[in-house]
C-alpha atoms as a PDB file:
ATOM      1  CA  MET A   1      16.346  60.744 -17.998  1.00  0.00           C
ATOM      2  CA  ASN A   2      16.310  60.487 -21.740  1.00  0.00           C
ATOM      3  CA  LYS A   3      14.256  57.156 -22.259  1.00  0.00           C
ATOM      4  CA  GLY A   4      16.485  56.468 -25.506  1.00  0.00           C
ATOM      5  CA  ILE A   5      19.688  56.419 -22.985  1.00  0.00           C
ATOM      6  CA  ALA A   6      17.874  53.748 -20.863  1.00  0.00           C
ATOM      7  CA  ALA A   7      16.517  51.763 -23.833  1.00  0.00           C
ATOM      8  CA  ILE A   8      20.335  51.934 -25.474  1.00  0.00           C
ATOM      9  CA  GLY A   9      21.467  50.897 -21.454  1.00  0.00           C
ATOM     10  CA  ALA A  10      18.823  48.291 -21.132  1.00  0.00           C
ATOM     11  CA  ALA A  11      20.201  46.694 -24.380  1.00  0.00           C
ATOM     12  CA  LEU A  12      23.541  46.628 -23.988  1.00  0.00           C
ATOM     13  CA  LEU A  13      23.165  44.798 -20.746  1.00  0.00           C
ATOM     14  CA  ALA A  14      21.452  41.930 -22.224  1.00  0.00           C
ATOM     15  CA  ILE A  15      23.489  41.860 -25.144  1.00  0.00           C
ATOM     16  CA  GLY A  16      26.487  41.790 -22.269  1.00  0.00           C
ATOM     17  CA  ILE A  17      24.732  39.479 -20.404  1.00  0.00           C
ATOM     18  CA  SER A  18      24.389  37.282 -23.111  1.00  0.00           C
ATOM     19  CA  ALA A  19      28.068  36.955 -24.107  1.00  0.00           C
ATOM     20  CA  CYS A  20      29.091  36.130 -20.757  1.00  0.00           C
ATOM     21  CA  ALA A  21      26.328  33.027 -20.485  1.00  0.00           C
ATOM     22  CA  SER A  22      28.268  29.893 -20.841  1.00  0.00           C
ATOM     23  CA  THR A  23      27.458  26.823 -23.078  1.00  0.00           C
ATOM     24  CA  ALA A  24      29.012  24.545 -20.424  1.00  0.00           C
ATOM     25  CA  SER A  25      27.061  21.775 -18.650  1.00  0.00           C
ATOM     26  CA  PRO A  26      25.648  23.098 -14.532  1.00  0.00           C
ATOM     27  CA  GLY A  27      28.238  22.114 -12.468  1.00  0.00           C
ATOM     28  CA  THR A  28      31.532  20.808 -15.323  1.00  0.00           C
ATOM     29  CA  ALA A  29      33.665  24.027 -16.355  1.00  0.00           C
ATOM     30  CA  SER A  30      34.849  24.217 -20.174  1.00  0.00           C
ATOM     31  CA  PRO A  31      39.291  23.048 -19.971  1.00  0.00           C
ATOM     32  CA  SER A  32      39.893  26.732 -22.388  1.00  0.00           C
ATOM     33  CA  ALA A  33      37.002  29.067 -20.250  1.00  0.00           C
ATOM     34  CA  THR A  34      39.329  31.554 -18.339  1.00  0.00           C
ATOM     35  CA  PRO A  35      37.970  31.620 -14.508  1.00  0.00           C
ATOM     36  CA  PRO A  36      34.893  34.269 -13.770  1.00  0.00           C
ATOM     37  CA  THR A  37      35.483  37.258 -11.980  1.00  0.00           C
ATOM     38  CA  GLN A  38      34.469  38.550  -8.857  1.00  0.00           C
ATOM     39  CA  ALA A  39      32.218  41.476  -9.536  1.00  0.00           C
ATOM     40  CA  LYS A  40      30.487  42.948  -5.859  1.00  0.00           C
ATOM     41  CA  VAL A  41      26.899  41.975  -5.404  1.00  0.00           C
ATOM     42  CA  SER A  42      25.120  44.684  -4.195  1.00  0.00           C
ATOM     43  CA  PRO A  43      22.214  43.354  -1.816  1.00  0.00           C
ATOM     44  CA  SER A  44      18.872  43.119  -4.510  1.00  0.00           C
ATOM     45  CA  PRO A  45      15.647  45.171  -3.006  1.00  0.00           C
ATOM     46  CA  SER A  46      13.197  43.424  -0.657  1.00  0.00           C
ATOM     47  CA  PRO A  47      10.145  41.976  -2.807  1.00  0.00           C
ATOM     48  CA  SER A  48       7.942  44.668  -2.622  1.00  0.00           C
ATOM     49  CA  GLY A  49      10.696  47.306  -4.159  1.00  0.00           C
ATOM     50  CA  PRO A  50      13.422  49.403  -2.815  1.00  0.00           C
ATOM     51  CA  LYS A  51      12.753  51.547   0.286  1.00  0.00           C
ATOM     52  CA  VAL A  52       9.648  54.510   0.388  1.00  0.00           C
ATOM     53  CA  TYR A  53      10.483  57.217   2.137  1.00  0.00           C
ATOM     54  CA  THR A  54       8.358  60.427   3.493  1.00  0.00           C
ATOM     55  CA  VAL A  55       8.182  63.665   2.500  1.00  0.00           C
ATOM     56  CA  GLY A  56      11.749  65.640   4.592  1.00  0.00           C
ATOM     57  CA  GLN A  57      12.914  62.526   4.290  1.00  0.00           C
ATOM     58  CA  THR A  58      16.594  62.495   2.129  1.00  0.00           C
ATOM     59  CA  MET A  59      17.356  59.365  -0.445  1.00  0.00           C
ATOM     60  CA  THR A  60      21.131  59.454  -0.986  1.00  0.00           C
ATOM     61  CA  ASN A  61      23.186  57.598  -3.719  1.00  0.00           C
ATOM     62  CA  GLY A  62      25.789  55.751  -3.585  1.00  0.00           C
ATOM     63  CA  ALA A  63      27.832  59.389  -5.352  1.00  0.00           C
ATOM     64  CA  HIS A  64      26.691  61.119  -2.039  1.00  0.00           C
ATOM     65  CA  GLN A  65      24.178  62.695  -3.831  1.00  0.00           C
ATOM     66  CA  LYS A  66      21.290  63.682  -1.561  1.00  0.00           C
ATOM     67  CA  VAL A  67      17.043  64.443  -2.620  1.00  0.00           C
ATOM     68  CA  THR A  68      14.981  65.400   0.003  1.00  0.00           C
ATOM     69  CA  VAL A  69      11.126  66.507  -1.155  1.00  0.00           C
ATOM     70  CA  THR A  70      10.606  69.627   0.942  1.00  0.00           C
ATOM     71  CA  ALA A  71       6.977  69.665  -0.002  1.00  0.00           C
ATOM     72  CA  PHE A  72       4.315  68.473  -2.888  1.00  0.00           C
ATOM     73  CA  ALA A  73       0.761  70.568  -3.696  1.00  0.00           C
ATOM     74  CA  GLN A  74      -2.262  69.153  -6.019  1.00  0.00           C
ATOM     75  CA  GLY A  75      -3.973  70.831  -7.954  1.00  0.00           C
ATOM     76  CA  VAL A  76      -1.855  73.832  -8.625  1.00  0.00           C
ATOM     77  CA  ALA A  77      -2.744  75.755 -10.722  1.00  0.00           C
ATOM     78  CA  ALA A  78      -2.785  74.965 -15.611  1.00  0.00           C
ATOM     79  CA  SER A  79       0.184  77.136 -16.853  1.00  0.00           C
ATOM     80  CA  ASP A  80      -0.967  80.661 -18.723  1.00  0.00           C
ATOM     81  CA  PHE A  81      -1.536  78.640 -22.237  1.00  0.00           C
ATOM     82  CA  SER A  82      -3.764  75.897 -21.292  1.00  0.00           C
ATOM     83  CA  THR A  83      -5.091  73.207 -18.886  1.00  0.00           C
ATOM     84  CA  PRO A  84      -5.028  69.913 -18.232  1.00  0.00           C
ATOM     85  CA  ASN A  85      -6.710  66.662 -19.951  1.00  0.00           C
ATOM     86  CA  PRO A  86     -10.083  66.199 -18.356  1.00  0.00           C
ATOM     87  CA  GLY A  87      -9.108  63.470 -15.282  1.00  0.00           C
ATOM     88  CA  ASP A  88      -5.862  64.907 -14.792  1.00  0.00           C
ATOM     89  CA  GLN A  89      -4.568  67.898 -12.435  1.00  0.00           C
ATOM     90  CA  CYS A  90      -0.944  69.504 -12.525  1.00  0.00           C
ATOM     91  CA  VAL A  91       1.033  69.238  -8.906  1.00  0.00           C
ATOM     92  CA  SER A  92       3.614  70.491  -7.894  1.00  0.00           C
ATOM     93  CA  VAL A  93       7.054  68.704  -5.889  1.00  0.00           C
ATOM     94  CA  VAL A  94       9.203  70.651  -3.943  1.00  0.00           C
ATOM     95  CA  VAL A  95      13.150  69.210  -3.778  1.00  0.00           C
ATOM     96  CA  GLU A  96      16.448  70.149  -2.519  1.00  0.00           C
ATOM     97  CA  LEU A  97      19.444  69.307  -3.346  1.00  0.00           C
ATOM     98  CA  PHE A  98      23.236  68.531  -2.893  1.00  0.00           C
ATOM     99  CA  ASN A  99      26.092  67.394  -4.564  1.00  0.00           C
ATOM    100  CA  GLY A 100      28.728  65.386  -2.050  1.00  0.00           C
ATOM    101  CA  ASP A 101      29.933  64.378  -5.140  1.00  0.00           C
ATOM    102  CA  SER A 102      33.780  65.112  -6.945  1.00  0.00           C
ATOM    103  CA  SER A 103      32.237  65.038  -9.477  1.00  0.00           C
ATOM    104  CA  PRO A 104      29.979  67.765 -11.518  1.00  0.00           C
ATOM    105  CA  TRP A 105      26.353  65.931 -11.195  1.00  0.00           C
ATOM    106  CA  ASP A 106      24.721  66.903 -14.738  1.00  0.00           C
ATOM    107  CA  LEU A 107      20.839  67.130 -14.878  1.00  0.00           C
ATOM    108  CA  PRO A 108      20.070  66.155 -11.914  1.00  0.00           C
ATOM    109  CA  LEU A 109      16.146  67.466 -12.100  1.00  0.00           C
ATOM    110  CA  TYR A 110      16.213  64.703 -14.868  1.00  0.00           C
ATOM    111  CA  GLU A 111      16.621  61.736 -13.397  1.00  0.00           C
ATOM    112  CA  LEU A 112      13.051  62.579 -11.612  1.00  0.00           C
ATOM    113  CA  THR A 113      10.020  61.972 -12.310  1.00  0.00           C
ATOM    114  CA  ALA A 114       5.874  60.568 -10.850  1.00  0.00           C
ATOM    115  CA  VAL A 115       4.967  58.138 -11.031  1.00  0.00           C
ATOM    116  CA  ASP A 116       0.573  56.290 -10.334  1.00  0.00           C
ATOM    117  CA  ALA A 117      -0.350  53.964  -9.164  1.00  0.00           C
ATOM    118  CA  SER A 118      -0.441  52.361 -12.053  1.00  0.00           C
ATOM    119  CA  GLY A 119       2.893  52.170 -12.478  1.00  0.00           C
ATOM    120  CA  GLN A 120       3.024  55.292 -15.552  1.00  0.00           C
ATOM    121  CA  SER A 121       5.559  57.690 -15.475  1.00  0.00           C
ATOM    122  CA  TYR A 122       5.791  60.962 -15.939  1.00  0.00           C
ATOM    123  CA  ASP A 123       8.086  63.809 -15.943  1.00  0.00           C
ATOM    124  CA  SER A 124       8.586  67.527 -15.420  1.00  0.00           C
ATOM    125  CA  PHE A 125       9.709  69.157 -18.912  1.00  0.00           C
ATOM    126  CA  SER A 126       6.625  67.205 -21.417  1.00  0.00           C
ATOM    127  CA  SER A 127       3.675  68.590 -19.913  1.00  0.00           C
ATOM    128  CA  LEU A 128       2.654  71.551 -21.105  1.00  0.00           C
ATOM    129  CA  ASP A 129      -1.306  72.015 -19.582  1.00  0.00           C
ATOM    130  CA  CYS A 130       1.658  72.927 -16.262  1.00  0.00           C
ATOM    131  CA  PRO A 131       3.743  75.587 -14.910  1.00  0.00           C
ATOM    132  CA  SER A 132       7.116  75.100 -15.715  1.00  0.00           C
ATOM    133  CA  SER A 133       9.694  73.870 -13.646  1.00  0.00           C
ATOM    134  CA  THR A 134      13.066  74.771 -12.620  1.00  0.00           C
ATOM    135  CA  SER A 135      16.019  74.047 -14.704  1.00  0.00           C
ATOM    136  CA  ILE A 136      19.122  73.068 -13.385  1.00  0.00           C
ATOM    137  CA  ASP A 137      22.333  72.640 -15.977  1.00  0.00           C
ATOM    138  CA  ALA A 138      24.643  71.126 -13.028  1.00  0.00           C
ATOM    139  CA  LEU A 139      26.077  70.759  -9.985  1.00  0.00           C
ATOM    140  CA  VAL A 140      29.361  71.298  -8.824  1.00  0.00           C
ATOM    141  CA  PRO A 141      30.679  69.218  -6.283  1.00  0.00           C
ATOM    142  CA  GLY A 142      29.808  70.576  -3.236  1.00  0.00           C
ATOM    143  CA  GLY A 143      26.240  72.397  -4.837  1.00  0.00           C
ATOM    144  CA  ARG A 144      23.409  72.751  -3.416  1.00  0.00           C
ATOM    145  CA  ALA A 145      20.256  73.864  -4.909  1.00  0.00           C
ATOM    146  CA  ALA A 146      16.239  74.118  -4.587  1.00  0.00           C
ATOM    147  CA  ALA A 147      13.643  73.138  -7.932  1.00  0.00           C
ATOM    148  CA  THR A 148      10.038  73.142  -7.876  1.00  0.00           C
ATOM    149  CA  LEU A 149       9.100  70.553 -10.129  1.00  0.00           C
ATOM    150  CA  TYR A 150       5.353  70.729 -11.925  1.00  0.00           C
ATOM    151  CA  PHE A 151       3.768  66.852 -13.320  1.00  0.00           C
ATOM    152  CA  GLU A 152       0.909  66.770 -14.892  1.00  0.00           C
ATOM    153  CA  VAL A 153      -1.006  63.553 -13.520  1.00  0.00           C
ATOM    154  CA  PRO A 154      -4.248  61.283 -12.955  1.00  0.00           C
ATOM    155  CA  LEU A 155      -6.827  63.408  -9.965  1.00  0.00           C
ATOM    156  CA  SER A 156      -6.436  60.274  -7.253  1.00  0.00           C
ATOM    157  CA  GLY A 157      -4.641  57.707  -6.471  1.00  0.00           C
ATOM    158  CA  LYS A 158      -1.230  57.057  -5.087  1.00  0.00           C
ATOM    159  CA  LEU A 159       1.472  59.180  -6.875  1.00  0.00           C
ATOM    160  CA  ILE A 160       5.633  58.998  -5.464  1.00  0.00           C
ATOM    161  CA  LEU A 161       8.508  61.060  -6.792  1.00  0.00           C
ATOM    162  CA  GLN A 162      11.179  58.796  -8.513  1.00  0.00           C
ATOM    163  CA  TRP A 163      14.880  58.952  -8.619  1.00  0.00           C
ATOM    164  CA  THR A 164      16.903  57.354 -11.016  1.00  0.00           C
ATOM    165  CA  PRO A 165      20.206  58.156 -10.508  1.00  0.00           C
ATOM    166  CA  SER A 166      21.681  56.194 -13.489  1.00  0.00           C
ATOM    167  CA  ALA A 167      19.770  54.849 -16.330  1.00  0.00           C
ATOM    168  CA  LEU A 168      22.588  52.282 -16.974  1.00  0.00           C
ATOM    169  CA  ASN A 169      21.110  50.488 -13.241  1.00  0.00           C
ATOM    170  CA  ALA A 170      17.889  50.428 -13.092  1.00  0.00           C
ATOM    171  CA  THR A 171      17.663  49.156 -10.294  1.00  0.00           C
ATOM    172  CA  SER A 172      19.166  52.299  -8.373  1.00  0.00           C
ATOM    173  CA  VAL A 173      15.811  53.890  -8.175  1.00  0.00           C
ATOM    174  CA  TYR A 174      14.522  55.856  -4.612  1.00  0.00           C
ATOM    175  CA  ASN A 175      11.288  56.495  -4.176  1.00  0.00           C
ATOM    176  CA  THR A 176       9.272  59.178  -2.184  1.00  0.00           C
ATOM    177  CA  GLU A 177       5.618  58.900  -1.637  1.00  0.00           C
ATOM    178  CA  LEU A 178       3.787  62.315  -2.609  1.00  0.00           C
ATOM    179  CA  LYS A 179       1.238  62.897  -0.004  1.00  0.00           C
ATOM    180  CA  ALA A 180      -0.567  66.732   0.888  1.00  0.00           C
ATOM    181  CA  SER A 181       0.556  68.578   4.520  1.00  0.00           C
END
């Protein structure tokens, strides 16, 4: 998703948290305070982070949308117009998508990025050095699609495909380790 939207979402979340903070001492209640509402708390990820899937395993979110990495290749030929920067390469990631939700799934490929061992994130739409990635505007309920994404990433080191279905929920992250077969 657009990094600007993610930044706006994070800022709104921070404002909401600070607005909800109480000025009362711990263990005391303000006489004019209304009782807090019960929020459903989802389990936090393990100390090692979100579960890491392997190529071929399906990642499913709470909206029943599914992403499966079906193939990964390194050293893919560059675009016809330019070549990757020194120390970089083009990689391809083939994904299968399924929308099990009752609403359309808008711009599903913008939710997918490649992340290297240092934590640097790469989207598939800004590299002109690699071939053009597939474009999918939306998937209707029950819709399926396959897509090939190309990323310009470092020549070596660990890579994951990261799926973040909601820019407003940064803890909703799914990772597939990318290993050539």
